[in-house]
Amino acid sequence: MKCPGTDTRFLRVGVHKCPNCGYEVEIFSDEVRVKCPKCKKYVYREELPSCIDWCKYARQCIGEERWKELMDFKKRKKEE
């Protein structure tokens, strides 16, 4: 079985306004943040439950580096 989070057939896209300049950017469901093409600041998608929150195989599935990046991001968001 392939993880639905890595299957491009199941990707969703959302449009989010950059909090810095108001430009609308697309953020796909497998992305946490993207750089605004207009002002180059990061735009974050709203926090939604992620497989890293509940799947015991998430670390193996997405890879150690990506898993650490997402966990660090979640930790920083909680501290804000």
PDB file of N, CA and C in Angstrom:
ATOM      1  N   MET A   1       0.838  -1.185   0.000  1.00  0.00           N
ATOM      2  CA  MET A   1       0.000   0.000   0.000  1.00  0.00           C
ATOM      3  C   MET A   1       0.881   1.246   0.000  1.00  0.00           C
ATOM      4  N   LYS A   2       0.515   2.210  -0.795  1.00  0.00           N
ATOM      5  CA  LYS A   2       1.254   3.465  -0.863  1.00  0.00           C
ATOM      6  C   LYS A   2       0.564   4.506   0.009  1.00  0.00           C
ATOM      7  N   CYS A   3       1.354   5.283   0.709  1.00  0.00           N
ATOM      8  CA  CYS A   3       0.811   6.329   1.562  1.00  0.00           C
ATOM      9  C   CYS A   3       0.052   7.346   0.706  1.00  0.00           C
ATOM     10  N   PRO A   4      -1.211   7.656   1.053  1.00  0.00           N
ATOM     11  CA  PRO A   4      -1.968   8.624   0.259  1.00  0.00           C
ATOM     12  C   PRO A   4      -1.340  10.021   0.267  1.00  0.00           C
ATOM     13  N   GLY A   5      -0.563  10.324   1.285  1.00  0.00           N
ATOM     14  CA  GLY A   5       0.076  11.634   1.345  1.00  0.00           C
ATOM     15  C   GLY A   5       1.178  11.817   0.325  1.00  0.00           C
ATOM     16  N   THR A   6       1.705  10.728  -0.200  1.00  0.00           N
ATOM     17  CA  THR A   6       2.761  10.837  -1.199  1.00  0.00           C
ATOM     18  C   THR A   6       2.268  10.534  -2.607  1.00  0.00           C
ATOM     19  N   ASP A   7       1.002  10.223  -2.748  1.00  0.00           N
ATOM     20  CA  ASP A   7       0.414   9.925  -4.051  1.00  0.00           C
ATOM     21  C   ASP A   7      -0.147  11.218  -4.628  1.00  0.00           C
ATOM     22  N   THR A   8       0.416  11.679  -5.731  1.00  0.00           N
ATOM     23  CA  THR A   8       0.023  12.972  -6.301  1.00  0.00           C
ATOM     24  C   THR A   8      -1.430  13.006  -6.754  1.00  0.00           C
ATOM     25  N   ARG A   9      -2.069  11.867  -6.890  1.00  0.00           N
ATOM     26  CA  ARG A   9      -3.492  11.860  -7.256  1.00  0.00           C
ATOM     27  C   ARG A   9      -4.359  12.432  -6.140  1.00  0.00           C
ATOM     28  N   PHE A  10      -3.863  12.425  -4.922  1.00  0.00           N
ATOM     29  CA  PHE A  10      -4.652  12.878  -3.786  1.00  0.00           C
ATOM     30  C   PHE A  10      -4.253  14.267  -3.285  1.00  0.00           C
ATOM     31  N   LEU A  11      -3.345  14.940  -3.971  1.00  0.00           N
ATOM     32  CA  LEU A  11      -2.940  16.283  -3.539  1.00  0.00           C
ATOM     33  C   LEU A  11      -4.089  17.268  -3.710  1.00  0.00           C
ATOM     34  N   ARG A  12      -4.182  18.175  -2.764  1.00  0.00           N
ATOM     35  CA  ARG A  12      -5.167  19.254  -2.841  1.00  0.00           C
ATOM     36  C   ARG A  12      -4.400  20.565  -2.797  1.00  0.00           C
ATOM     37  N   VAL A  13      -4.991  21.590  -3.373  1.00  0.00           N
ATOM     38  CA  VAL A  13      -4.345  22.893  -3.360  1.00  0.00           C
ATOM     39  C   VAL A  13      -5.270  23.893  -2.677  1.00  0.00           C
ATOM     40  N   GLY A  14      -4.657  24.775  -1.928  1.00  0.00           N
ATOM     41  CA  GLY A  14      -5.397  25.850  -1.285  1.00  0.00           C
ATOM     42  C   GLY A  14      -4.741  27.171  -1.619  1.00  0.00           C
ATOM     43  N   VAL A  15      -5.543  28.222  -1.660  1.00  0.00           N
ATOM     44  CA  VAL A  15      -5.024  29.559  -1.928  1.00  0.00           C
ATOM     45  C   VAL A  15      -5.005  30.315  -0.607  1.00  0.00           C
ATOM     46  N   HIS A  16      -3.840  30.876  -0.282  1.00  0.00           N
ATOM     47  CA  HIS A  16      -3.656  31.598   0.983  1.00  0.00           C
ATOM     48  C   HIS A  16      -3.053  32.963   0.704  1.00  0.00           C
ATOM     49  N   LYS A  17      -3.513  33.965   1.434  1.00  0.00           N
ATOM     50  CA  LYS A  17      -2.954  35.306   1.272  1.00  0.00           C
ATOM     51  C   LYS A  17      -1.681  35.437   2.076  1.00  0.00           C
ATOM     52  N   CYS A  18      -0.693  36.039   1.452  1.00  0.00           N
ATOM     53  CA  CYS A  18       0.554  36.324   2.150  1.00  0.00           C
ATOM     54  C   CYS A  18       0.266  37.371   3.220  1.00  0.00           C
ATOM     55  N   PRO A  19       0.625  37.100   4.479  1.00  0.00           N
ATOM     56  CA  PRO A  19       0.366  38.077   5.538  1.00  0.00           C
ATOM     57  C   PRO A  19       1.221  39.333   5.405  1.00  0.00           C
ATOM     58  N   ASN A  20       2.281  39.261   4.616  1.00  0.00           N
ATOM     59  CA  ASN A  20       3.169  40.405   4.442  1.00  0.00           C
ATOM     60  C   ASN A  20       2.677  41.367   3.359  1.00  0.00           C
ATOM     61  N   CYS A  21       2.292  40.821   2.180  1.00  0.00           N
ATOM     62  CA  CYS A  21       1.940  41.708   1.061  1.00  0.00           C
ATOM     63  C   CYS A  21       0.536  41.477   0.501  1.00  0.00           C
ATOM     64  N   GLY A  22      -0.149  40.419   0.938  1.00  0.00           N
ATOM     65  CA  GLY A  22      -1.506  40.158   0.484  1.00  0.00           C
ATOM     66  C   GLY A  22      -1.620  39.369  -0.809  1.00  0.00           C
ATOM     67  N   TYR A  23      -0.498  39.026  -1.411  1.00  0.00           N
ATOM     68  CA  TYR A  23      -0.508  38.248  -2.655  1.00  0.00           C
ATOM     69  C   TYR A  23      -1.065  36.854  -2.380  1.00  0.00           C
ATOM     70  N   GLU A  24      -1.874  36.331  -3.292  1.00  0.00           N
ATOM     71  CA  GLU A  24      -2.445  34.997  -3.116  1.00  0.00           C
ATOM     72  C   GLU A  24      -1.492  33.934  -3.653  1.00  0.00           C
ATOM     73  N   VAL A  25      -1.132  32.996  -2.802  1.00  0.00           N
ATOM     74  CA  VAL A  25      -0.212  31.928  -3.188  1.00  0.00           C
ATOM     75  C   VAL A  25      -0.903  30.577  -3.037  1.00  0.00           C
ATOM     76  N   GLU A  26      -0.486  29.623  -3.847  1.00  0.00           N
ATOM     77  CA  GLU A  26      -1.012  28.264  -3.765  1.00  0.00           C
ATOM     78  C   GLU A  26      -0.122  27.435  -2.850  1.00  0.00           C
ATOM     79  N   ILE A  27      -0.762  26.693  -1.955  1.00  0.00           N
ATOM     80  CA  ILE A  27      -0.037  25.779  -1.086  1.00  0.00           C
ATOM     81  C   ILE A  27      -0.694  24.411  -1.236  1.00  0.00           C
ATOM     82  N   PHE A  28       0.085  23.422  -1.658  1.00  0.00           N
ATOM     83  CA  PHE A  28      -0.430  22.076  -1.834  1.00  0.00           C
ATOM     84  C   PHE A  28      -0.501  21.357  -0.493  1.00  0.00           C
ATOM     85  N   SER A  29      -1.334  20.330  -0.426  1.00  0.00           N
ATOM     86  CA  SER A  29      -1.580  19.624   0.825  1.00  0.00           C
ATOM     87  C   SER A  29      -0.347  18.921   1.378  1.00  0.00           C
ATOM     88  N   ASP A  30       0.683  18.722   0.572  1.00  0.00           N
ATOM     89  CA  ASP A  30       1.907  18.101   1.082  1.00  0.00           C
ATOM     90  C   ASP A  30       2.957  19.136   1.476  1.00  0.00           C
ATOM     91  N   GLU A  31       2.575  20.403   1.495  1.00  0.00           N
ATOM     92  CA  GLU A  31       3.496  21.486   1.848  1.00  0.00           C
ATOM     93  C   GLU A  31       3.040  22.171   3.130  1.00  0.00           C
ATOM     94  N   VAL A  32       3.986  22.606   3.928  1.00  0.00           N
ATOM     95  CA  VAL A  32       3.698  23.350   5.147  1.00  0.00           C
ATOM     96  C   VAL A  32       3.805  24.844   4.880  1.00  0.00           C
ATOM     97  N   ARG A  33       4.757  25.204   4.031  1.00  0.00           N
ATOM     98  CA  ARG A  33       4.987  26.618   3.734  1.00  0.00           C
ATOM     99  C   ARG A  33       5.497  26.752   2.313  1.00  0.00           C
ATOM    100  N   VAL A  34       5.309  27.944   1.765  1.00  0.00           N
ATOM    101  CA  VAL A  34       5.873  28.284   0.462  1.00  0.00           C
ATOM    102  C   VAL A  34       6.352  29.723   0.538  1.00  0.00           C
ATOM    103  N   LYS A  35       7.270  30.060  -0.332  1.00  0.00           N
ATOM    104  CA  LYS A  35       7.780  31.419  -0.384  1.00  0.00           C
ATOM    105  C   LYS A  35       6.896  32.224  -1.328  1.00  0.00           C
ATOM    106  N   CYS A  36       6.462  33.381  -0.885  1.00  0.00           N
ATOM    107  CA  CYS A  36       5.633  34.262  -1.697  1.00  0.00           C
ATOM    108  C   CYS A  36       6.448  34.721  -2.906  1.00  0.00           C
ATOM    109  N   PRO A  37       5.911  34.542  -4.125  1.00  0.00           N
ATOM    110  CA  PRO A  37       6.659  34.952  -5.302  1.00  0.00           C
ATOM    111  C   PRO A  37       6.820  36.472  -5.420  1.00  0.00           C
ATOM    112  N   LYS A  38       5.965  37.212  -4.720  1.00  0.00           N
ATOM    113  CA  LYS A  38       6.021  38.670  -4.813  1.00  0.00           C
ATOM    114  C   LYS A  38       7.023  39.285  -3.821  1.00  0.00           C
ATOM    115  N   CYS A  39       6.896  38.928  -2.531  1.00  0.00           N
ATOM    116  CA  CYS A  39       7.746  39.579  -1.516  1.00  0.00           C
ATOM    117  C   CYS A  39       8.827  38.659  -0.942  1.00  0.00           C
ATOM    118  N   LYS A  40       8.785  37.384  -1.306  1.00  0.00           N
ATOM    119  CA  LYS A  40       9.786  36.384  -0.883  1.00  0.00           C
ATOM    120  C   LYS A  40       9.720  36.003   0.593  1.00  0.00           C
ATOM    121  N   LYS A  41       8.649  36.375   1.288  1.00  0.00           N
ATOM    122  CA  LYS A  41       8.451  35.941   2.681  1.00  0.00           C
ATOM    123  C   LYS A  41       7.712  34.613   2.673  1.00  0.00           C
ATOM    124  N   TYR A  42       7.855  33.851   3.763  1.00  0.00           N
ATOM    125  CA  TYR A  42       7.171  32.567   3.831  1.00  0.00           C
ATOM    126  C   TYR A  42       5.697  32.746   4.174  1.00  0.00           C
ATOM    127  N   VAL A  43       4.871  31.926   3.523  1.00  0.00           N
ATOM    128  CA  VAL A  43       3.445  31.858   3.809  1.00  0.00           C
ATOM    129  C   VAL A  43       3.188  30.450   4.327  1.00  0.00           C
ATOM    130  N   TYR A  44       2.531  30.340   5.481  1.00  0.00           N
ATOM    131  CA  TYR A  44       2.259  29.049   6.105  1.00  0.00           C
ATOM    132  C   TYR A  44       0.794  28.691   5.937  1.00  0.00           C
ATOM    133  N   ARG A  45       0.536  27.410   5.713  1.00  0.00           N
ATOM    134  CA  ARG A  45      -0.853  26.976   5.635  1.00  0.00           C
ATOM    135  C   ARG A  45      -1.352  26.789   7.060  1.00  0.00           C
ATOM    136  N   GLU A  46      -2.662  26.887   7.228  1.00  0.00           N
ATOM    137  CA  GLU A  46      -3.225  26.693   8.558  1.00  0.00           C
ATOM    138  C   GLU A  46      -2.853  25.307   9.050  1.00  0.00           C
ATOM    139  N   GLU A  47      -2.719  25.189  10.328  1.00  0.00           N
ATOM    140  CA  GLU A  47      -2.338  23.886  10.875  1.00  0.00           C
ATOM    141  C   GLU A  47      -3.522  22.937  10.826  1.00  0.00           C
ATOM    142  N   LEU A  48      -3.331  21.837  10.185  1.00  0.00           N
ATOM    143  CA  LEU A  48      -4.321  20.767  10.082  1.00  0.00           C
ATOM    144  C   LEU A  48      -3.676  19.492  10.588  1.00  0.00           C
ATOM    145  N   PRO A  49      -4.473  18.547  11.038  1.00  0.00           N
ATOM    146  CA  PRO A  49      -3.864  17.285  11.449  1.00  0.00           C
ATOM    147  C   PRO A  49      -3.057  16.686  10.296  1.00  0.00           C
ATOM    148  N   SER A  50      -1.919  16.188  10.621  1.00  0.00           N
ATOM    149  CA  SER A  50      -1.008  15.623   9.640  1.00  0.00           C
ATOM    150  C   SER A  50      -0.720  14.177  10.015  1.00  0.00           C
ATOM    151  N   CYS A  51      -0.267  13.412   9.056  1.00  0.00           N
ATOM    152  CA  CYS A  51       0.079  12.018   9.355  1.00  0.00           C
ATOM    153  C   CYS A  51       1.168  11.936  10.416  1.00  0.00           C
ATOM    154  N   ILE A  52       1.997  12.959  10.526  1.00  0.00           N
ATOM    155  CA  ILE A  52       3.053  12.905  11.543  1.00  0.00           C
ATOM    156  C   ILE A  52       2.472  12.964  12.950  1.00  0.00           C
ATOM    157  N   ASP A  53       1.215  13.397  13.057  1.00  0.00           N
ATOM    158  CA  ASP A  53       0.549  13.456  14.352  1.00  0.00           C
ATOM    159  C   ASP A  53      -0.009  12.112  14.790  1.00  0.00           C
ATOM    160  N   TRP A  54      -0.346  11.232  13.852  1.00  0.00           N
ATOM    161  CA  TRP A  54      -1.040  10.010  14.233  1.00  0.00           C
ATOM    162  C   TRP A  54      -0.490   8.720  13.637  1.00  0.00           C
ATOM    163  N   CYS A  55       0.288   8.791  12.580  1.00  0.00           N
ATOM    164  CA  CYS A  55       0.734   7.553  11.935  1.00  0.00           C
ATOM    165  C   CYS A  55       2.083   7.103  12.493  1.00  0.00           C
ATOM    166  N   LYS A  56       2.136   5.867  12.972  1.00  0.00           N
ATOM    167  CA  LYS A  56       3.380   5.370  13.560  1.00  0.00           C
ATOM    168  C   LYS A  56       4.469   5.135  12.516  1.00  0.00           C
ATOM    169  N   TYR A  57       4.116   5.145  11.232  1.00  0.00           N
ATOM    170  CA  TYR A  57       5.090   4.937  10.162  1.00  0.00           C
ATOM    171  C   TYR A  57       5.503   6.236   9.476  1.00  0.00           C
ATOM    172  N   ALA A  58       4.994   7.365   9.932  1.00  0.00           N
ATOM    173  CA  ALA A  58       5.251   8.642   9.261  1.00  0.00           C
ATOM    174  C   ALA A  58       6.748   8.935   9.134  1.00  0.00           C
ATOM    175  N   ARG A  59       7.483   8.687  10.179  1.00  0.00           N
ATOM    176  CA  ARG A  59       8.926   8.973  10.169  1.00  0.00           C
ATOM    177  C   ARG A  59       9.636   8.187   9.074  1.00  0.00           C
ATOM    178  N   GLN A  60       9.294   6.921   8.930  1.00  0.00           N
ATOM    179  CA  GLN A  60       9.893   6.086   7.896  1.00  0.00           C
ATOM    180  C   GLN A  60       9.372   6.481   6.510  1.00  0.00           C
ATOM    181  N   CYS A  61       8.109   6.809   6.441  1.00  0.00           N
ATOM    182  CA  CYS A  61       7.452   7.086   5.166  1.00  0.00           C
ATOM    183  C   CYS A  61       7.985   8.362   4.511  1.00  0.00           C
ATOM    184  N   ILE A  62       8.067   9.437   5.282  1.00  0.00           N
ATOM    185  CA  ILE A  62       8.482  10.712   4.682  1.00  0.00           C
ATOM    186  C   ILE A  62       9.983  10.941   4.766  1.00  0.00           C
ATOM    187  N   GLY A  63      10.672  10.121   5.534  1.00  0.00           N
ATOM    188  CA  GLY A  63      12.122  10.257   5.649  1.00  0.00           C
ATOM    189  C   GLY A  63      12.522  11.066   6.861  1.00  0.00           C
ATOM    190  N   GLU A  64      13.665  10.727   7.399  1.00  0.00           N
ATOM    191  CA  GLU A  64      14.151  11.342   8.640  1.00  0.00           C
ATOM    192  C   GLU A  64      14.297  12.863   8.528  1.00  0.00           C
ATOM    193  N   GLU A  65      14.890  13.331   7.447  1.00  0.00           N
ATOM    194  CA  GLU A  65      15.137  14.773   7.293  1.00  0.00           C
ATOM    195  C   GLU A  65      13.831  15.566   7.243  1.00  0.00           C
ATOM    196  N   ARG A  66      12.886  15.122   6.423  1.00  0.00           N
ATOM    197  CA  ARG A  66      11.599  15.821   6.297  1.00  0.00           C
ATOM    198  C   ARG A  66      10.816  15.733   7.597  1.00  0.00           C
ATOM    199  N   TRP A  67      10.869  14.576   8.272  1.00  0.00           N
ATOM    200  CA  TRP A  67      10.173  14.402   9.532  1.00  0.00           C
ATOM    201  C   TRP A  67      10.702  15.381  10.575  1.00  0.00           C
ATOM    202  N   LYS A  68      12.022  15.495  10.668  1.00  0.00           N
ATOM    203  CA  LYS A  68      12.615  16.436  11.633  1.00  0.00           C
ATOM    204  C   LYS A  68      12.227  17.871  11.308  1.00  0.00           C
ATOM    205  N   GLU A  69      12.227  18.221  10.022  1.00  0.00           N
ATOM    206  CA  GLU A  69      11.842  19.570   9.601  1.00  0.00           C
ATOM    207  C   GLU A  69      10.409  19.886  10.038  1.00  0.00           C
ATOM    208  N   LEU A  70       9.501  18.957   9.815  1.00  0.00           N
ATOM    209  CA  LEU A  70       8.105  19.183  10.192  1.00  0.00           C
ATOM    210  C   LEU A  70       7.923  19.223  11.700  1.00  0.00           C
ATOM    211  N   MET A  71       8.619  18.381  12.434  1.00  0.00           N
ATOM    212  CA  MET A  71       8.513  18.384  13.892  1.00  0.00           C
ATOM    213  C   MET A  71       9.084  19.677  14.478  1.00  0.00           C
ATOM    214  N   ASP A  72      10.195  20.162  13.931  1.00  0.00           N
ATOM    215  CA  ASP A  72      10.760  21.436  14.386  1.00  0.00           C
ATOM    216  C   ASP A  72       9.794  22.578  14.112  1.00  0.00           C
ATOM    217  N   PHE A  73       9.164  22.548  12.940  1.00  0.00           N
ATOM    218  CA  PHE A  73       8.189  23.577  12.587  1.00  0.00           C
ATOM    219  C   PHE A  73       7.020  23.563  13.574  1.00  0.00           C
ATOM    220  N   LYS A  74       6.484  22.384  13.876  1.00  0.00           N
ATOM    221  CA  LYS A  74       5.368  22.275  14.807  1.00  0.00           C
ATOM    222  C   LYS A  74       5.770  22.776  16.197  1.00  0.00           C
ATOM    223  N   LYS A  75       6.974  22.488  16.614  1.00  0.00           N
ATOM    224  CA  LYS A  75       7.461  22.919  17.916  1.00  0.00           C
ATOM    225  C   LYS A  75       7.550  24.456  17.979  1.00  0.00           C
ATOM    226  N   ARG A  76       8.100  25.040  16.930  1.00  0.00           N
ATOM    227  CA  ARG A  76       8.214  26.512  16.881  1.00  0.00           C
ATOM    228  C   ARG A  76       6.836  27.169  16.903  1.00  0.00           C
ATOM    229  N   LYS A  77       5.878  26.599  16.166  1.00  0.00           N
ATOM    230  CA  LYS A  77       4.525  27.165  16.128  1.00  0.00           C
ATOM    231  C   LYS A  77       3.870  27.121  17.504  1.00  0.00           C
ATOM    232  N   LYS A  78       4.107  26.056  18.267  1.00  0.00           N
ATOM    233  CA  LYS A  78       3.531  25.933  19.608  1.00  0.00           C
ATOM    234  C   LYS A  78       4.117  26.979  20.554  1.00  0.00           C
ATOM    235  N   GLU A  79       5.389  27.317  20.351  1.00  0.00           N
ATOM    236  CA  GLU A  79       6.079  28.264  21.224  1.00  0.00           C
ATOM    237  C   GLU A  79       5.680  29.711  20.955  1.00  0.00           C
ATOM    238  N   GLU A  80       5.073  29.967  19.797  1.00  0.00           N
ATOM    239  CA  GLU A  80       4.688  31.352  19.441  1.00  0.00           C
ATOM    240  C   GLU A  80       3.501  31.820  20.238  1.00  0.00           C
TER     241      GLU A  80
END
